[in-house]
Amino acid sequence: MRAVSVEDLKTGMILARTIVNPDMVVVLSENTLLTKAHITRLTFLNIPVVYIKDEY
């Protein structure tokens, strides 16, 4: 697992942790395969960093 800036995300990456907003509402769940729409949504919500699964 590694932290990745939202601006460096690529489609096909897999979330390692669930993302919640300040009201504790789930934005995206762990193990989500990221699409362009997901990345756009994270940018719109001003989420700076997410955790991504890697090969290790």
PDB file of N, CA and C in Angstrom:
ATOM      1  N   MET A   1       0.865  -1.170   0.000  1.00  0.00           N
ATOM      2  CA  MET A   1       0.000   0.000   0.000  1.00  0.00           C
ATOM      3  C   MET A   1       0.907   1.227   0.000  1.00  0.00           C
ATOM      4  N   ARG A   2       0.489   2.239  -0.763  1.00  0.00           N
ATOM      5  CA  ARG A   2       1.248   3.491  -0.786  1.00  0.00           C
ATOM      6  C   ARG A   2       0.304   4.670  -0.958  1.00  0.00           C
ATOM      7  N   ALA A   3       0.734   5.799  -0.430  1.00  0.00           N
ATOM      8  CA  ALA A   3      -0.038   7.035  -0.576  1.00  0.00           C
ATOM      9  C   ALA A   3       0.263   7.637  -1.941  1.00  0.00           C
ATOM     10  N   VAL A   4      -0.780   8.068  -2.631  1.00  0.00           N
ATOM     11  CA  VAL A   4      -0.633   8.676  -3.955  1.00  0.00           C
ATOM     12  C   VAL A   4      -1.470   9.945  -4.000  1.00  0.00           C
ATOM     13  N   SER A   5      -0.863  11.004  -4.495  1.00  0.00           N
ATOM     14  CA  SER A   5      -1.586  12.257  -4.697  1.00  0.00           C
ATOM     15  C   SER A   5      -2.692  12.029  -5.725  1.00  0.00           C
ATOM     16  N   VAL A   6      -3.843  12.625  -5.503  1.00  0.00           N
ATOM     17  CA  VAL A   6      -4.962  12.452  -6.436  1.00  0.00           C
ATOM     18  C   VAL A   6      -4.563  12.890  -7.844  1.00  0.00           C
ATOM     19  N   GLU A   7      -3.736  13.910  -7.948  1.00  0.00           N
ATOM     20  CA  GLU A   7      -3.313  14.366  -9.284  1.00  0.00           C
ATOM     21  C   GLU A   7      -2.422  13.346  -9.995  1.00  0.00           C
ATOM     22  N   ASP A   8      -1.868  12.372  -9.261  1.00  0.00           N
ATOM     23  CA  ASP A   8      -1.024  11.338  -9.865  1.00  0.00           C
ATOM     24  C   ASP A   8      -1.751  10.009 -10.075  1.00  0.00           C
ATOM     25  N   LEU A   9      -3.037   9.950  -9.736  1.00  0.00           N
ATOM     26  CA  LEU A   9      -3.796   8.714  -9.910  1.00  0.00           C
ATOM     27  C   LEU A   9      -3.986   8.396 -11.387  1.00  0.00           C
ATOM     28  N   LYS A  10      -4.074   7.091 -11.661  1.00  0.00           N
ATOM     29  CA  LYS A  10      -4.316   6.632 -13.022  1.00  0.00           C
ATOM     30  C   LYS A  10      -5.485   5.641 -12.989  1.00  0.00           C
ATOM     31  N   THR A  11      -6.241   5.606 -14.065  1.00  0.00           N
ATOM     32  CA  THR A  11      -7.331   4.637 -14.133  1.00  0.00           C
ATOM     33  C   THR A  11      -6.747   3.234 -13.997  1.00  0.00           C
ATOM     34  N   GLY A  12      -7.492   2.362 -13.347  1.00  0.00           N
ATOM     35  CA  GLY A  12      -7.035   0.994 -13.152  1.00  0.00           C
ATOM     36  C   GLY A  12      -6.352   0.750 -11.819  1.00  0.00           C
ATOM     37  N   MET A  13      -5.961   1.817 -11.110  1.00  0.00           N
ATOM     38  CA  MET A  13      -5.390   1.643  -9.774  1.00  0.00           C
ATOM     39  C   MET A  13      -6.501   1.188  -8.836  1.00  0.00           C
ATOM     40  N   ILE A  14      -6.111   0.499  -7.757  1.00  0.00           N
ATOM     41  CA  ILE A  14      -7.088  -0.041  -6.810  1.00  0.00           C
ATOM     42  C   ILE A  14      -6.896   0.609  -5.443  1.00  0.00           C
ATOM     43  N   LEU A  15      -7.999   1.108  -4.878  1.00  0.00           N
ATOM     44  CA  LEU A  15      -7.930   1.746  -3.562  1.00  0.00           C
ATOM     45  C   LEU A  15      -7.593   0.723  -2.483  1.00  0.00           C
ATOM     46  N   ALA A  16      -6.688   1.105  -1.587  1.00  0.00           N
ATOM     47  CA  ALA A  16      -6.312   0.237  -0.475  1.00  0.00           C
ATOM     48  C   ALA A  16      -7.112   0.557   0.785  1.00  0.00           C
ATOM     49  N   ARG A  17      -7.699   1.747   0.844  1.00  0.00           N
ATOM     50  CA  ARG A  17      -8.501   2.157   2.002  1.00  0.00           C
ATOM     51  C   ARG A  17      -9.762   2.865   1.531  1.00  0.00           C
ATOM     52  N   THR A  18     -10.824   2.714   2.298  1.00  0.00           N
ATOM     53  CA  THR A  18     -12.072   3.419   2.018  1.00  0.00           C
ATOM     54  C   THR A  18     -11.860   4.913   2.230  1.00  0.00           C
ATOM     55  N   ILE A  19     -12.464   5.722   1.375  1.00  0.00           N
ATOM     56  CA  ILE A  19     -12.378   7.178   1.484  1.00  0.00           C
ATOM     57  C   ILE A  19     -13.722   7.683   1.988  1.00  0.00           C
ATOM     58  N   VAL A  20     -13.675   8.487   3.054  1.00  0.00           N
ATOM     59  CA  VAL A  20     -14.893   9.083   3.601  1.00  0.00           C
ATOM     60  C   VAL A  20     -14.762  10.599   3.592  1.00  0.00           C
ATOM     61  N   ASN A  21     -15.896  11.283   3.525  1.00  0.00           N
ATOM     62  CA  ASN A  21     -15.877  12.747   3.576  1.00  0.00           C
ATOM     63  C   ASN A  21     -15.900  13.191   5.044  1.00  0.00           C
ATOM     64  N   PRO A  22     -15.824  14.494   5.321  1.00  0.00           N
ATOM     65  CA  PRO A  22     -15.809  14.965   6.719  1.00  0.00           C
ATOM     66  C   PRO A  22     -17.040  14.555   7.534  1.00  0.00           C
ATOM     67  N   ASP A  23     -18.149  14.245   6.865  1.00  0.00           N
ATOM     68  CA  ASP A  23     -19.357  13.798   7.560  1.00  0.00           C
ATOM     69  C   ASP A  23     -19.383  12.282   7.748  1.00  0.00           C
ATOM     70  N   MET A  24     -18.257  11.627   7.427  1.00  0.00           N
ATOM     71  CA  MET A  24     -18.097  10.173   7.548  1.00  0.00           C
ATOM     72  C   MET A  24     -18.989   9.391   6.582  1.00  0.00           C
ATOM     73  N   VAL A  25     -19.331  10.008   5.471  1.00  0.00           N
ATOM     74  CA  VAL A  25     -20.074   9.333   4.406  1.00  0.00           C
ATOM     75  C   VAL A  25     -19.047   8.732   3.449  1.00  0.00           C
ATOM     76  N   VAL A  26     -19.233   7.471   3.089  1.00  0.00           N
ATOM     77  CA  VAL A  26     -18.290   6.798   2.196  1.00  0.00           C
ATOM     78  C   VAL A  26     -18.350   7.431   0.809  1.00  0.00           C
ATOM     79  N   VAL A  27     -17.189   7.851   0.323  1.00  0.00           N
ATOM     80  CA  VAL A  27     -17.060   8.410  -1.024  1.00  0.00           C
ATOM     81  C   VAL A  27     -16.723   7.283  -1.993  1.00  0.00           C
ATOM     82  N   LEU A  28     -15.707   6.496  -1.660  1.00  0.00           N
ATOM     83  CA  LEU A  28     -15.327   5.315  -2.441  1.00  0.00           C
ATOM     84  C   LEU A  28     -14.855   4.234  -1.474  1.00  0.00           C
ATOM     85  N   SER A  29     -15.171   2.996  -1.768  1.00  0.00           N
ATOM     86  CA  SER A  29     -14.824   1.883  -0.888  1.00  0.00           C
ATOM     87  C   SER A  29     -13.471   1.276  -1.233  1.00  0.00           C
ATOM     88  N   GLU A  30     -12.886   0.655  -0.214  1.00  0.00           N
ATOM     89  CA  GLU A  30     -11.654  -0.113  -0.403  1.00  0.00           C
ATOM     90  C   GLU A  30     -11.873  -1.116  -1.533  1.00  0.00           C
ATOM     91  N   ASN A  31     -10.830  -1.378  -2.299  1.00  0.00           N
ATOM     92  CA  ASN A  31     -10.823  -2.319  -3.434  1.00  0.00           C
ATOM     93  C   ASN A  31     -11.543  -1.795  -4.669  1.00  0.00           C
ATOM     94  N   THR A  32     -11.904  -0.509  -4.697  1.00  0.00           N
ATOM     95  CA  THR A  32     -12.513   0.074  -5.890  1.00  0.00           C
ATOM     96  C   THR A  32     -11.463   0.207  -6.985  1.00  0.00           C
ATOM     97  N   LEU A  33     -11.784  -0.255  -8.183  1.00  0.00           N
ATOM     98  CA  LEU A  33     -10.938  -0.079  -9.353  1.00  0.00           C
ATOM     99  C   LEU A  33     -11.241   1.313  -9.902  1.00  0.00           C
ATOM    100  N   LEU A  34     -10.263   2.198  -9.844  1.00  0.00           N
ATOM    101  CA  LEU A  34     -10.510   3.601 -10.188  1.00  0.00           C
ATOM    102  C   LEU A  34     -10.760   3.818 -11.675  1.00  0.00           C
ATOM    103  N   THR A  35     -11.742   4.653 -11.948  1.00  0.00           N
ATOM    104  CA  THR A  35     -12.051   5.090 -13.307  1.00  0.00           C
ATOM    105  C   THR A  35     -11.761   6.587 -13.398  1.00  0.00           C
ATOM    106  N   LYS A  36     -11.832   7.112 -14.591  1.00  0.00           N
ATOM    107  CA  LYS A  36     -11.647   8.553 -14.778  1.00  0.00           C
ATOM    108  C   LYS A  36     -12.689   9.332 -13.977  1.00  0.00           C
ATOM    109  N   ALA A  37     -13.928   8.836 -13.939  1.00  0.00           N
ATOM    110  CA  ALA A  37     -14.996   9.503 -13.184  1.00  0.00           C
ATOM    111  C   ALA A  37     -14.680   9.530 -11.688  1.00  0.00           C
ATOM    112  N   HIS A  38     -14.135   8.434 -11.152  1.00  0.00           N
ATOM    113  CA  HIS A  38     -13.755   8.409  -9.735  1.00  0.00           C
ATOM    114  C   HIS A  38     -12.690   9.463  -9.444  1.00  0.00           C
ATOM    115  N   ILE A  39     -11.682   9.535 -10.294  1.00  0.00           N
ATOM    116  CA  ILE A  39     -10.581  10.480 -10.091  1.00  0.00           C
ATOM    117  C   ILE A  39     -11.095  11.913 -10.175  1.00  0.00           C
ATOM    118  N   THR A  40     -11.983  12.181 -11.119  1.00  0.00           N
ATOM    119  CA  THR A  40     -12.588  13.509 -11.241  1.00  0.00           C
ATOM    120  C   THR A  40     -13.369  13.856  -9.980  1.00  0.00           C
ATOM    121  N   ARG A  41     -14.103  12.903  -9.447  1.00  0.00           N
ATOM    122  CA  ARG A  41     -14.886  13.126  -8.220  1.00  0.00           C
ATOM    123  C   ARG A  41     -13.970  13.436  -7.035  1.00  0.00           C
ATOM    124  N   LEU A  42     -12.881  12.699  -6.894  1.00  0.00           N
ATOM    125  CA  LEU A  42     -11.932  12.948  -5.805  1.00  0.00           C
ATOM    126  C   LEU A  42     -11.334  14.346  -5.917  1.00  0.00           C
ATOM    127  N   THR A  43     -11.015  14.760  -7.127  1.00  0.00           N
ATOM    128  CA  THR A  43     -10.483  16.104  -7.356  1.00  0.00           C
ATOM    129  C   THR A  43     -11.524  17.150  -6.975  1.00  0.00           C
ATOM    130  N   PHE A  44     -12.762  16.960  -7.401  1.00  0.00           N
ATOM    131  CA  PHE A  44     -13.855  17.888  -7.095  1.00  0.00           C
ATOM    132  C   PHE A  44     -14.074  18.020  -5.589  1.00  0.00           C
ATOM    133  N   LEU A  45     -13.897  16.919  -4.857  1.00  0.00           N
ATOM    134  CA  LEU A  45     -14.095  16.915  -3.407  1.00  0.00           C
ATOM    135  C   LEU A  45     -12.861  17.394  -2.634  1.00  0.00           C
ATOM    136  N   ASN A  46     -11.825  17.811  -3.369  1.00  0.00           N
ATOM    137  CA  ASN A  46     -10.582  18.318  -2.759  1.00  0.00           C
ATOM    138  C   ASN A  46      -9.917  17.304  -1.836  1.00  0.00           C
ATOM    139  N   ILE A  47      -9.953  16.047  -2.217  1.00  0.00           N
ATOM    140  CA  ILE A  47      -9.249  15.008  -1.464  1.00  0.00           C
ATOM    141  C   ILE A  47      -7.827  14.951  -2.021  1.00  0.00           C
ATOM    142  N   PRO A  48      -6.820  15.273  -1.195  1.00  0.00           N
ATOM    143  CA  PRO A  48      -5.460  15.413  -1.721  1.00  0.00           C
ATOM    144  C   PRO A  48      -4.716  14.109  -1.967  1.00  0.00           C
ATOM    145  N   VAL A  49      -4.918  13.102  -1.098  1.00  0.00           N
ATOM    146  CA  VAL A  49      -4.127  11.868  -1.162  1.00  0.00           C
ATOM    147  C   VAL A  49      -5.026  10.675  -0.849  1.00  0.00           C
ATOM    148  N   VAL A  50      -4.781   9.572  -1.542  1.00  0.00           N
ATOM    149  CA  VAL A  50      -5.475   8.319  -1.239  1.00  0.00           C
ATOM    150  C   VAL A  50      -4.439   7.204  -1.151  1.00  0.00           C
ATOM    151  N   TYR A  51      -4.831   6.083  -0.573  1.00  0.00           N
ATOM    152  CA  TYR A  51      -3.947   4.922  -0.488  1.00  0.00           C
ATOM    153  C   TYR A  51      -4.320   3.927  -1.571  1.00  0.00           C
ATOM    154  N   ILE A  52      -3.295   3.489  -2.295  1.00  0.00           N
ATOM    155  CA  ILE A  52      -3.448   2.603  -3.438  1.00  0.00           C
ATOM    156  C   ILE A  52      -2.734   1.290  -3.153  1.00  0.00           C
ATOM    157  N   LYS A  53      -3.312   0.188  -3.603  1.00  0.00           N
ATOM    158  CA  LYS A  53      -2.632  -1.102  -3.491  1.00  0.00           C
ATOM    159  C   LYS A  53      -1.503  -1.142  -4.514  1.00  0.00           C
ATOM    160  N   ASP A  54      -0.397  -1.737  -4.103  1.00  0.00           N
ATOM    161  CA  ASP A  54       0.692  -1.939  -5.056  1.00  0.00           C
ATOM    162  C   ASP A  54       1.069  -3.417  -5.059  1.00  0.00           C
ATOM    163  N   GLU A  55       2.102  -3.768  -5.796  1.00  0.00           N
ATOM    164  CA  GLU A  55       2.445  -5.174  -5.964  1.00  0.00           C
ATOM    165  C   GLU A  55       3.059  -5.817  -4.734  1.00  0.00           C
ATOM    166  N   TYR A  56       3.418  -5.048  -3.726  1.00  0.00           N
ATOM    167  CA  TYR A  56       4.150  -5.610  -2.583  1.00  0.00           C
ATOM    168  C   TYR A  56       3.243  -6.052  -1.495  1.00  0.00           C
TER     169      TYR A  56
END
